[in-house]
Protein backbone atom coordinates (compact mmCIF):
# COMPACT_ATOMS: atom_id res chain seq x y z
CA MET A 1 0.00 0.00 0.00
CA LYS A 2 1.45 3.35 -1.09
CA MET A 3 1.70 6.13 1.50
CA TRP A 4 -0.21 8.38 -0.89
CA SER A 5 -2.96 5.80 -1.62
CA GLY A 6 -5.68 7.35 0.55
CA ARG A 7 -7.38 9.14 -2.35
CA PHE A 8 -7.27 6.06 -4.61
CA LYS A 9 -9.70 3.15 -4.89
CA LYS A 10 -7.42 0.85 -6.85
CA GLU A 11 -3.81 -0.16 -6.42
CA LEU A 12 -1.25 0.88 -8.99
CA ASP A 13 -0.82 -1.60 -11.82
CA SER A 14 2.34 -3.67 -11.28
CA LEU A 15 3.81 -2.64 -14.63
CA ALA A 16 2.95 1.00 -13.99
CA ASN A 17 4.56 0.68 -10.55
CA ASP A 18 7.81 -0.59 -12.06
CA PHE A 19 7.67 2.16 -14.67
CA ASN A 20 7.07 4.80 -12.01
CA SER A 21 9.71 3.57 -9.56
CA SER A 22 13.11 5.27 -9.38
CA ILE A 23 14.66 3.26 -6.53
CA SER A 24 17.01 1.51 -8.97
CA VAL A 25 18.66 4.87 -9.65
CA ASP A 26 18.10 7.17 -6.68
CA TYR A 27 19.14 4.57 -4.07
CA LYS A 28 22.60 6.13 -4.47
CA MET A 29 21.33 9.12 -2.47
CA TYR A 30 20.37 7.09 0.63
CA LYS A 31 22.98 8.77 2.81
CA GLU A 32 22.01 12.30 1.76
CA ASP A 33 18.32 11.47 2.18
CA ILE A 34 18.94 10.32 5.75
CA GLU A 35 21.12 13.34 6.57
CA GLY A 36 18.46 15.68 5.20
CA SER A 37 15.75 13.92 7.19
CA ILE A 38 17.74 14.19 10.43
CA ALA A 39 18.21 17.93 9.86
CA HIS A 40 14.51 18.33 9.03
CA ALA A 41 13.45 16.43 12.18
CA THR A 42 15.88 18.44 14.31
CA MET A 43 14.30 21.63 13.02
CA LEU A 44 10.76 20.32 13.59
CA GLU A 45 11.56 19.68 17.24
CA LYS A 46 13.21 23.09 17.63
CA VAL A 47 10.05 24.89 16.47
CA ASP A 48 7.82 22.60 18.59
CA ILE A 49 6.18 20.68 15.74
CA ILE A 50 7.35 17.32 17.10
CA THR A 51 8.44 16.33 20.61
CA LYS A 52 11.95 15.64 21.84
CA GLU A 53 10.96 12.01 22.31
CA ASP A 54 9.83 11.77 18.66
CA LEU A 55 13.07 13.41 17.52
CA ASN A 56 15.22 10.98 19.46
CA LYS A 57 13.35 8.00 18.02
CA ILE A 58 13.57 9.39 14.47
CA VAL A 59 17.30 10.14 14.70
CA GLU A 60 18.06 6.77 16.27
CA GLY A 61 15.95 4.98 13.69
CA LEU A 62 17.49 6.83 10.72
CA ASN A 63 21.02 6.22 11.98
CA SER A 64 20.26 2.53 12.37
CA ILE A 65 18.99 2.42 8.77
CA LEU A 66 22.16 4.17 7.59
CA LYS A 67 24.36 1.74 9.51
CA ASP A 68 22.52 -1.28 8.16
CA ILE A 69 22.68 -0.07 4.56
CA ASP A 70 26.41 0.69 4.87
CA SER A 71 27.05 -2.78 6.28
CA ASN A 72 24.85 -4.46 3.65
CA GLU A 73 22.53 -5.80 6.33
CA LEU A 74 19.61 -3.89 4.80
CA GLU A 75 18.88 -4.28 1.10
CA PHE A 76 16.92 -1.79 -0.96
CA ASN A 77 13.41 -2.94 -1.80
CA PRO A 78 13.11 -2.96 -5.60
CA LYS A 79 9.34 -2.49 -5.21
CA ALA A 80 9.79 0.80 -3.33
CA GLU A 81 8.73 3.89 -5.25
CA ASP A 82 11.92 5.80 -4.49
CA ILE A 83 14.66 6.16 -1.88
CA HIS A 84 12.57 8.69 0.09
CA MET A 85 9.65 6.30 0.50
CA PHE A 86 11.99 3.40 1.20
CA ASN A 87 13.69 5.20 4.08
CA GLU A 88 10.43 6.53 5.52
CA GLU A 89 8.68 3.15 5.31
CA GLU A 90 11.67 1.41 6.90
CA LEU A 91 11.80 4.06 9.63
CA THR A 92 8.10 3.65 10.47
CA LYS A 93 8.55 -0.11 10.53
CA ARG A 94 11.33 0.31 13.09
CA ILE A 95 10.01 3.05 15.39
CA GLY A 96 6.25 3.08 14.84
CA ASP A 97 4.07 6.20 14.81
CA SER A 98 6.95 8.62 15.43
CA GLY A 99 8.20 7.73 11.95
CA LYS A 100 4.95 8.94 10.44
CA LYS A 101 5.65 12.45 11.76
CA LEU A 102 8.92 12.91 9.86
CA HIS A 103 7.32 14.11 6.66
CA THR A 104 5.45 16.97 8.38
CA ALA A 105 6.03 20.28 6.55
CA ARG A 106 7.95 18.54 3.77
CA SER A 107 7.26 17.24 0.27
CA ARG A 108 9.16 14.77 -1.82
CA ASN A 109 9.59 17.67 -4.24
CA ASP A 110 11.82 19.68 -1.91
CA GLN A 111 13.24 16.47 -0.47
CA VAL A 112 14.61 15.24 -3.78
CA ALA A 113 15.80 18.74 -4.68
CA LEU A 114 17.77 18.68 -1.43
CA ASP A 115 19.12 15.14 -1.82
CA ILE A 116 20.40 15.64 -5.34
CA ARG A 117 22.17 18.88 -4.43
CA MET A 118 23.85 17.27 -1.43
CA TYR A 119 24.87 14.21 -3.46
CA LEU A 120 26.29 16.27 -6.32
CA LYS A 121 28.15 18.61 -3.97
CA ASN A 122 29.96 15.60 -2.51
CA LYS A 123 30.73 14.28 -5.98
CA ILE A 124 32.12 17.63 -7.14
CA LYS A 125 34.66 17.54 -4.32
CA LEU A 126 35.82 14.07 -5.41
CA ILE A 127 35.97 15.04 -9.08
CA VAL A 128 38.12 18.10 -8.32
CA GLU A 129 40.47 15.89 -6.29
CA ASP A 130 40.82 13.49 -9.23
CA ILE A 131 41.43 16.33 -11.70
CA ASN A 132 44.07 17.81 -9.40
CA LYS A 133 45.78 14.42 -9.18
CA LEU A 134 45.95 14.28 -12.99
CA ILE A 135 47.19 17.88 -13.13
CA ASN A 136 50.00 17.08 -10.70
CA THR A 137 51.00 14.03 -12.75
CA LEU A 138 51.10 16.12 -15.93
CA ILE A 139 53.13 18.84 -14.22
CA ASN A 140 55.65 16.20 -13.11
CA ILE A 141 55.95 15.04 -16.73
CA ALA A 142 56.43 18.65 -17.84
CA GLU A 143 59.14 19.28 -15.25
CA GLU A 144 61.01 16.20 -16.49
CA ASN A 145 60.79 17.33 -20.13
CA LEU A 146 61.63 21.03 -20.12
CA ASP A 147 64.36 20.41 -22.70
CA THR A 148 62.57 17.72 -24.71
CA VAL A 149 62.22 19.23 -28.18
CA MET A 150 59.23 18.19 -30.28
CA PRO A 151 57.46 19.55 -33.35
CA GLY A 152 54.47 21.76 -32.77
CA TYR A 153 51.63 21.38 -35.27
CA THR A 154 48.92 23.37 -36.96
CA HIS A 155 46.51 21.54 -39.29
CA LEU A 156 48.38 18.41 -38.07
CA GLN A 157 51.33 19.62 -40.17
CA VAL A 158 54.74 20.34 -38.68
CA ALA A 159 54.77 24.05 -37.81
CA GLN A 160 57.28 25.31 -35.22
CA PRO A 161 59.43 23.72 -32.53
CA VAL A 162 58.09 23.47 -28.99
CA THR A 163 58.92 21.27 -26.03
CA PHE A 164 57.02 18.28 -24.75
CA ALA A 165 56.69 20.18 -21.48
CA HIS A 166 54.99 23.09 -23.26
CA HIS A 167 52.59 20.75 -25.05
CA ILE A 168 51.69 18.92 -21.84
CA MET A 169 51.17 22.19 -20.00
CA ALA A 170 48.60 23.25 -22.61
CA TYR A 171 46.38 20.44 -21.34
CA VAL A 172 47.14 21.39 -17.75
CA GLN A 173 45.68 24.85 -18.44
CA MET A 174 42.50 23.24 -19.79
CA LEU A 175 42.16 21.07 -16.69
CA VAL A 176 42.83 24.01 -14.36
CA ARG A 177 39.98 25.89 -16.05
CA ASP A 178 37.84 22.80 -15.52
CA THR A 179 38.45 22.87 -11.77
CA THR A 180 37.34 26.51 -11.62
CA ARG A 181 34.11 25.61 -13.43
CA PHE A 182 33.34 22.87 -10.89
CA LYS A 183 34.00 25.21 -8.00
CA ASP A 184 31.73 27.86 -9.55
CA CYS A 185 29.05 25.21 -10.06
CA TYR A 186 29.41 24.15 -6.43
CA ARG A 187 28.82 27.72 -5.24
CA ARG A 188 25.64 28.08 -7.26
CA MET A 189 24.47 24.65 -6.13
CA ASN A 190 25.07 25.41 -2.47
CA GLU A 191 21.59 26.77 -1.71
CA ASN A 192 19.10 24.85 0.43
CA PRO A 193 15.68 24.05 -1.15
CA LEU A 194 14.35 22.21 1.92
CA GLY A 195 11.24 23.91 3.25
CA SER A 196 9.89 24.83 -0.17
CA GLY A 197 7.35 22.03 0.13
CA ALA A 198 5.59 20.80 -2.98
CA LEU A 199 5.73 24.28 -4.51
CA ALA A 200 4.31 26.82 -2.00
CA THR A 201 6.15 26.16 1.31
CA THR A 202 3.90 25.40 4.33
CA THR A 203 1.74 26.96 7.02
CA TYR A 204 3.91 25.40 9.73
CA PRO A 205 6.41 27.80 11.37
CA ILE A 206 9.50 26.04 10.03
CA ASP A 207 13.00 27.52 10.14
CA ARG A 208 14.71 27.14 6.77
CA PHE A 209 17.78 29.01 7.99
CA MET A 210 18.31 26.38 10.66
CA THR A 211 18.30 23.45 8.23
CA THR A 212 20.53 25.48 5.92
CA LYS A 213 23.13 25.76 8.67
CA LEU A 214 22.74 22.14 9.79
CA LEU A 215 23.30 20.84 6.25
CA GLY A 216 26.21 23.13 5.38
CA PHE A 217 24.52 25.25 2.72
CA ASP A 218 25.29 28.94 2.26
CA ILE A 219 21.71 30.23 2.08
CA PRO A 220 18.16 28.95 1.59
CA THR A 221 16.79 29.16 -1.94
CA ARG A 222 14.75 32.36 -2.42
CA ASN A 223 11.68 31.15 -4.33
CA SER A 224 9.77 27.98 -3.52
CA LEU A 225 8.51 27.46 -7.08
CA ASP A 226 12.00 27.75 -8.49
CA SER A 227 13.40 25.62 -5.68
CA VAL A 228 11.50 22.46 -6.62
CA SER A 229 11.61 22.92 -10.39
CA ASP A 230 15.23 24.11 -10.76
CA ARG A 231 17.59 21.66 -12.40
CA ASP A 232 19.99 24.26 -13.78
CA PHE A 233 22.71 22.96 -11.48
CA ILE A 234 22.41 19.50 -13.02
CA VAL A 235 22.67 20.91 -16.53
CA GLU A 236 25.65 23.00 -15.46
CA LEU A 237 27.41 20.05 -13.86
CA ASN A 238 26.72 17.93 -16.93
CA PHE A 239 28.30 20.67 -19.03
CA ASP A 240 31.33 20.93 -16.74
CA ILE A 241 31.81 17.17 -16.95
CA SER A 242 31.42 17.36 -20.72
CA MET A 243 34.19 19.96 -20.88
CA VAL A 244 36.60 17.71 -18.98
CA MET A 245 35.71 14.81 -21.26
CA LEU A 246 36.18 17.07 -24.28
CA HIS A 247 39.69 17.93 -23.08
CA LEU A 248 40.51 14.31 -22.27
CA SER A 249 39.21 13.27 -25.68
CA ARG A 250 41.48 15.76 -27.48
CA PHE A 251 44.40 14.59 -25.35
CA SER A 252 43.51 10.96 -26.08
CA GLU A 253 43.65 11.63 -29.80
CA GLU A 254 47.20 12.92 -29.45
CA ILE A 255 48.19 9.99 -27.22
CA ILE A 256 46.90 7.65 -29.92
CA LEU A 257 48.88 9.48 -32.61
CA TRP A 258 52.04 9.79 -30.54
CA SER A 259 52.08 6.08 -29.68
CA SER A 260 51.68 5.00 -33.32
CA GLN A 261 54.56 3.60 -35.37
CA GLU A 262 54.41 6.69 -37.58
CA PHE A 263 55.18 9.02 -34.64
CA LYS A 264 56.80 6.93 -31.87
CA PHE A 265 56.87 9.96 -29.58
CA ILE A 266 55.75 7.92 -26.58
CA GLU A 267 55.29 4.32 -25.55
CA LEU A 268 52.37 3.36 -23.37
CA ASP A 269 53.02 1.02 -20.49
CA ASP A 270 51.88 -2.58 -20.94
CA SER A 271 49.54 -2.15 -17.99
CA TYR A 272 47.55 0.46 -19.95
CA SER A 273 47.64 -1.20 -23.39
CA THR A 274 45.95 -4.19 -25.02
CA GLY A 275 46.82 -6.62 -27.80
CA SER A 276 45.16 -8.13 -30.81
CA SER A 277 43.48 -11.53 -30.97
CA ILE A 278 45.05 -12.18 -34.38
CA MET A 279 48.04 -9.83 -34.83
CA PRO A 280 50.70 -10.67 -32.20
CA GLN A 281 52.76 -7.55 -32.85
CA LYS A 282 49.98 -5.12 -31.88
CA LYS A 283 50.05 -2.87 -28.83
CA ASN A 284 46.84 -0.88 -28.87
CA PRO A 285 46.09 2.40 -27.01
CA ASP A 286 42.64 1.14 -25.99
CA MET A 287 42.44 3.20 -22.79
CA ALA A 288 42.85 6.43 -24.74
CA GLU A 289 40.40 5.23 -27.38
CA LEU A 290 37.81 4.40 -24.73
CA VAL A 291 38.16 7.81 -23.12
CA ARG A 292 37.70 9.38 -26.55
CA GLY A 293 34.62 7.23 -27.14
CA LYS A 294 33.06 7.76 -23.72
CA SER A 295 33.11 11.53 -24.24
CA SER A 296 30.21 11.08 -26.68
CA ARG A 297 28.23 9.30 -23.99
CA VAL A 298 28.64 12.24 -21.61
CA PHE A 299 27.74 14.76 -24.32
CA GLY A 300 24.57 12.74 -24.93
CA ASN A 301 23.66 12.94 -21.24
CA LEU A 302 23.99 16.72 -21.37
CA MET A 303 21.69 16.99 -24.38
CA ALA A 304 19.19 14.55 -22.86
CA THR A 305 18.97 16.68 -19.70
CA LEU A 306 18.51 19.88 -21.67
CA ASN A 307 15.77 18.31 -23.76
CA MET A 308 14.06 16.91 -20.67
CA ILE A 309 13.78 20.36 -19.08
CA LYS A 310 13.23 22.61 -22.10
CA ALA A 311 9.40 22.69 -22.14
CA LEU A 312 8.44 21.92 -18.56
CA PRO A 313 5.99 24.26 -16.82
CA LEU A 314 6.46 25.17 -13.17
CA ALA A 315 6.76 23.54 -10.74
CA TYR A 316 7.73 19.87 -10.29
CA ASN A 317 6.96 17.36 -13.07
CA LYS A 318 7.62 13.63 -13.09
CA ASP A 319 9.87 14.14 -16.12
CA MET A 320 12.47 15.36 -13.66
CA GLN A 321 12.91 11.83 -12.38
CA GLU A 322 14.98 11.31 -15.54
CA ASP A 323 17.61 13.84 -14.47
CA LYS A 324 19.45 11.56 -12.05
CA GLU A 325 20.23 8.63 -14.31
CA ASN A 326 21.98 10.93 -16.79
CA ILE A 327 24.03 12.91 -14.29
CA PHE A 328 24.96 9.82 -12.26
CA ASP A 329 26.18 8.13 -15.44
CA SER A 330 28.20 11.20 -16.44
CA ILE A 331 29.83 11.38 -13.02
CA GLU A 332 30.73 7.69 -12.96
CA THR A 333 32.07 7.88 -16.52
CA LEU A 334 34.25 10.88 -15.70
CA GLU A 335 35.53 9.33 -12.48
CA ILE A 336 36.81 6.15 -14.16
CA CYS A 337 38.20 8.09 -17.13
CA LEU A 338 40.20 10.42 -14.86
CA LEU A 339 41.64 7.53 -12.86
CA VAL A 340 42.61 5.51 -15.93
CA PHE A 341 43.99 8.53 -17.77
CA GLU A 342 46.16 9.54 -14.80
CA GLY A 343 47.61 6.04 -14.56
CA MET A 344 48.24 5.91 -18.30
CA MET A 345 50.10 9.23 -18.24
CA ARG A 346 52.06 8.42 -15.08
CA THR A 347 53.46 5.21 -16.60
CA LEU A 348 54.14 6.22 -20.21
CA LYS A 349 57.69 6.48 -21.63
CA VAL A 350 58.76 9.60 -23.54
CA ASN A 351 60.87 8.94 -26.65
CA SER A 352 62.70 12.27 -26.70
CA GLU A 353 65.11 11.27 -29.49
CA ASN A 354 62.28 10.46 -31.88
CA MET A 355 60.61 13.77 -31.06
CA ARG A 356 63.80 15.69 -31.82
CA GLU A 357 64.38 13.83 -35.09
CA LYS A 358 60.85 14.60 -36.20
CA ALA A 359 61.34 18.25 -35.23
CA LYS A 360 64.39 18.47 -37.49
CA LYS A 361 62.26 17.56 -40.49
CA GLY A 362 59.53 19.52 -42.18
CA PHE A 363 61.49 22.83 -42.18
CA ILE A 364 60.29 23.60 -38.70
CA ASN A 365 62.81 26.45 -38.44
CA ALA A 366 61.64 28.28 -41.57
CA THR A 367 59.90 31.07 -39.65
CA ASP A 368 63.06 31.64 -37.62
CA LEU A 369 65.10 31.84 -40.80
CA ALA A 370 62.77 34.56 -42.06
CA ASP A 371 63.03 36.34 -38.70
CA TYR A 372 66.83 36.19 -39.01
CA LEU A 373 66.67 38.23 -42.22
CA VAL A 374 64.22 40.67 -40.64
CA LYS A 375 66.66 41.26 -37.79
CA LYS A 376 69.28 41.99 -40.43
CA GLY A 377 67.08 44.78 -41.80
CA MET A 378 64.91 43.09 -44.44
CA ALA A 379 61.14 43.62 -44.57
CA PHE A 380 59.25 40.58 -43.28
CA ARG A 381 57.37 39.88 -46.50
CA ASP A 382 60.62 39.90 -48.49
CA ALA A 383 62.22 37.63 -45.90
CA TYR A 384 59.16 35.36 -46.03
CA LYS A 385 59.48 35.06 -49.84
CA ILE A 386 63.19 34.29 -49.78
CA THR A 387 62.74 31.69 -47.07
CA GLY A 388 59.95 30.05 -49.06
CA GLN A 389 62.22 29.87 -52.09
CA LEU A 390 64.97 28.29 -49.99
CA VAL A 391 62.50 25.71 -48.66
CA GLY A 392 61.49 24.88 -52.24
CA TYR A 393 65.16 24.52 -53.17
CA CYS A 394 65.77 22.20 -50.22
CA VAL A 395 62.81 20.03 -51.22
CA ASP A 396 64.24 19.66 -54.73
CA GLU A 397 67.72 18.90 -53.37
CA ASN A 398 66.49 16.67 -50.52
CA LYS A 399 68.17 18.86 -47.92
CA SER A 400 67.25 20.57 -44.67
CA LEU A 401 67.84 24.27 -44.09
CA GLU A 402 70.67 23.44 -41.69
CA GLU A 403 72.41 21.47 -44.46
CA LEU A 404 72.59 24.41 -46.87
CA THR A 405 76.10 25.79 -47.47
CA MET A 406 76.88 29.44 -46.95
CA GLU A 407 77.28 29.75 -50.72
CA GLU A 408 73.72 28.45 -51.19
CA PHE A 409 72.44 30.92 -48.60
CA LYS A 410 74.29 33.82 -50.23
CA LYS A 411 72.64 33.10 -53.57
CA SER A 412 69.35 34.12 -51.97
CA SER A 413 70.61 37.12 -49.98
CA GLU A 414 73.91 38.76 -49.06
CA LEU A 415 72.51 39.35 -45.57
CA PHE A 416 73.22 35.74 -44.63
CA GLU A 417 76.29 35.28 -42.44
CA GLU A 418 77.83 32.36 -40.56
CA ASP A 419 75.65 33.16 -37.54
CA VAL A 420 72.61 31.95 -39.48
CA TYR A 421 73.36 28.37 -38.41
CA LYS A 422 73.04 29.39 -34.76
CA TYR A 423 69.74 31.15 -35.41
CA ILE A 424 68.15 28.08 -37.02
CA ASP A 425 69.42 25.60 -34.42
CA LEU A 426 66.41 24.03 -32.64
CA ASP A 427 67.73 24.50 -29.12
CA TYR A 428 68.64 28.11 -29.81
CA ILE A 429 65.22 28.77 -31.37
CA LEU A 430 63.45 27.40 -28.32
CA ALA A 431 65.71 29.20 -25.87
CA GLN A 432 64.86 32.52 -27.53
CA ARG A 433 61.12 32.02 -27.21
CA LYS A 434 61.12 33.47 -23.70
CA VAL A 435 57.90 35.44 -24.05
CA TYR A 436 55.58 34.75 -21.10
CA GLY A 437 53.54 31.68 -22.04
CA GLY A 438 56.10 30.59 -24.62
CA PRO A 439 57.84 27.21 -25.14
CA SER A 440 61.39 27.99 -23.98
CA PRO A 441 62.49 25.91 -20.98
CA GLU A 442 62.77 29.14 -19.00
CA ALA A 443 59.24 30.27 -19.93
CA VAL A 444 57.69 26.86 -19.30
CA LYS A 445 59.34 26.69 -15.87
CA ILE A 446 57.70 30.04 -15.04
CA GLN A 447 54.39 28.73 -16.39
CA ILE A 448 54.62 25.66 -14.17
CA ASP A 449 55.42 27.73 -11.08
CA ASP A 450 52.62 30.21 -11.81
CA THR A 451 50.15 27.38 -12.42
CA LYS A 452 51.02 25.75 -9.10
CA GLU A 453 50.52 29.05 -7.31
CA TYR A 454 47.25 29.72 -9.14
CA MET A 455 45.93 26.30 -8.16
CA LYS A 456 46.66 27.01 -4.49
CA ASN A 457 44.51 30.14 -4.65
CA ILE A 458 41.51 28.71 -6.49
CA LYS A 459 38.57 29.12 -4.13
């Protein structure tokens, strides 16, 4: 018999009951539901709605339920409508009539709005910890590769020399931005909807500021209608998760390229690689490929949540039951991806010699050759044209710019001197790119130090 069945003459059809039930998803919030109920009961006693004796029974009963669930002595009833009804029914079974008083001045609408905020707040803290762990691993890699020269790319074509440290730190900046988004989301989420009731609060003299303090929220929500119908914070968190997965997906693509036979920039550890059932020589970057693939799943959850909300009238609608499955899946997907990705990065081997050899090819120092002529007094466009002609000559002669003789240089311009070889040396080129945010070892070291300091001050 449902707790709300008083108005009904027939029981809910068994198939409709299964369709309506959300216990298979929202059971994850059992702890938050119990914590919220204890705070609500504490407030009810404070404002003289229930007695001290009732409060003590309710708190003792709820804590016993929590203990039994944690120890696996109490299993969730798959026939229960949701986690809220499960906990309340179990409480009443254990303590009798006092349990029936718990729901005074409360609706499942504000109850679920509370539970999901509390659950997601806890998850945000864990996600930020996992992102920071990955950031620290990447920074360690960068610090070990300040002098590791590699080709930088545009259009996936060799462009200009950078260092592996500089490339890795580009992803660190993305992940640092991600942590700030989660913290911003947490702040906006940290408002207490409890006390909003079904949509119009209650005639009981409840104290929403008390439950706000008890549950660690900043403030109570300001509008009861908005409180029970708001799912902006779930959309926002889904977006924030999608951004991390977007960044991990881009990074995964480069890991896949770098570990290929064509690049050989890195070698993934055996513990984060798989083989082929038919080709014994294969070592596949499956972890990176899975992260890349799972990003689509998270993006889909974001769009599903947006579409679920887009045409809903105020206030609560049953459609909103669909919000939890999507966000829970996104969170769990991100959590495993972060852990696997961190392990994959921590154990990979950097093939610095292959990176340097690749950087020597593709005329990666052509821009610096043009800049050399500019520093000798030539207009940039003229220098650009001469350098392009020299590149064309090298292609025909199967040479690199460094292999040109001084006589060959002089044929293009009398401004060329012996010092040109220094100016087009890869290490010299990188060392000169000392502009803040640039790829020189000196600039990247500053970037790393500044990033560490910035992370300490993120609120």
